[in-house]
Protein backbone atom coordinates (compact mmCIF):
# COMPACT_ATOMS: atom_id res chain seq x y z
CA MET A 1 -9.19 255.50 144.58
CA ARG A 2 -6.28 257.79 143.81
CA THR A 3 -4.82 260.89 145.36
CA GLU A 4 -4.98 264.20 143.57
CA ALA A 5 -3.72 267.43 145.16
CA ASP A 6 -3.74 265.76 148.60
CA ALA A 7 -7.37 264.67 148.20
CA LEU A 8 -8.79 261.19 147.67
CA VAL A 9 -10.63 260.72 144.38
CA TRP A 10 -12.99 257.75 144.00
CA GLN A 11 -13.48 256.21 140.59
CA ALA A 12 -15.22 253.19 139.10
CA VAL A 13 -13.08 250.29 137.90
CA ASP A 14 -13.82 247.31 135.73
CA ARG A 15 -13.74 243.66 136.77
CA THR A 16 -10.19 243.01 135.50
CA VAL A 17 -8.83 245.57 137.98
CA LEU A 18 -10.86 244.07 140.82
CA ASP A 19 -9.49 240.62 140.05
CA LYS A 20 -5.93 241.90 140.59
CA LEU A 21 -6.57 243.22 144.11
CA SER A 22 -4.91 241.15 146.82
CA HIS A 23 -5.14 242.97 150.17
CA ARG A 24 -7.80 244.88 152.13
CA LEU A 25 -6.96 247.69 154.57
CA VAL A 26 -9.27 247.97 157.56
CA LEU A 27 -9.09 250.71 160.19
CA GLN A 28 -9.78 249.51 163.71
CA THR A 29 -10.54 252.43 166.00
CA GLU A 30 -9.76 252.71 169.70
CA ASP A 31 -13.35 251.78 170.57
CA GLY A 32 -13.10 248.55 168.53
CA ARG A 33 -15.07 249.57 165.45
CA ARG A 34 -13.81 248.41 162.05
CA ARG A 35 -14.01 250.40 158.84
CA GLU A 36 -12.90 249.00 155.49
CA LEU A 37 -10.82 251.65 153.77
CA PHE A 38 -9.78 250.20 150.41
CA MET A 39 -7.99 247.34 148.66
CA THR A 40 -4.55 247.22 147.07
CA ASN A 41 -2.60 245.19 144.55
CA GLY A 42 0.26 243.64 146.52
CA VAL A 43 1.48 243.60 150.08
CA ASP A 44 4.06 246.35 149.45
CA SER A 45 1.31 248.79 148.43
CA ALA A 46 -0.75 247.75 151.44
CA MET A 47 2.16 248.29 153.84
CA ASP A 48 2.96 251.69 152.33
CA ALA A 49 -0.65 252.83 152.60
CA ALA A 50 -1.03 251.50 156.15
CA SER A 51 2.10 253.28 157.35
CA ARG A 52 0.82 256.57 155.96
CA ILE A 53 -2.62 256.13 157.50
CA VAL A 54 -1.34 255.47 161.02
CA GLU A 55 0.56 258.77 160.92
CA PHE A 56 -2.81 260.57 160.95
CA ASN A 57 -4.99 258.28 163.04
CA ASN A 58 -4.83 256.76 166.52
CA GLY A 59 -6.40 253.50 165.38
CA VAL A 60 -4.80 250.34 164.07
CA VAL A 61 -4.70 249.51 160.36
CA LEU A 62 -5.20 245.84 159.64
CA ILE A 63 -3.99 244.32 156.37
CA GLU A 64 -6.07 241.33 155.32
CA THR A 65 -5.32 238.99 152.44
CA LEU A 66 -8.23 238.61 150.02
CA ASP A 67 -9.33 235.09 149.22
CA PRO A 68 -8.43 233.99 145.69
């Protein structure tokens, strides 16, 4: 996923990109539901994305490490 003109654009990726992903961002809403948002390459990217998401949502963004 990438942003383009303030919109999210989904795209297919190959296996080598998937192998580099290290963290999953999960939105936990006020009523306890969980929704997986996307995965990132590195904790810094995950933290940056999570901080932006919480600006627009009342839920909690969880950052989970992916198993190797």
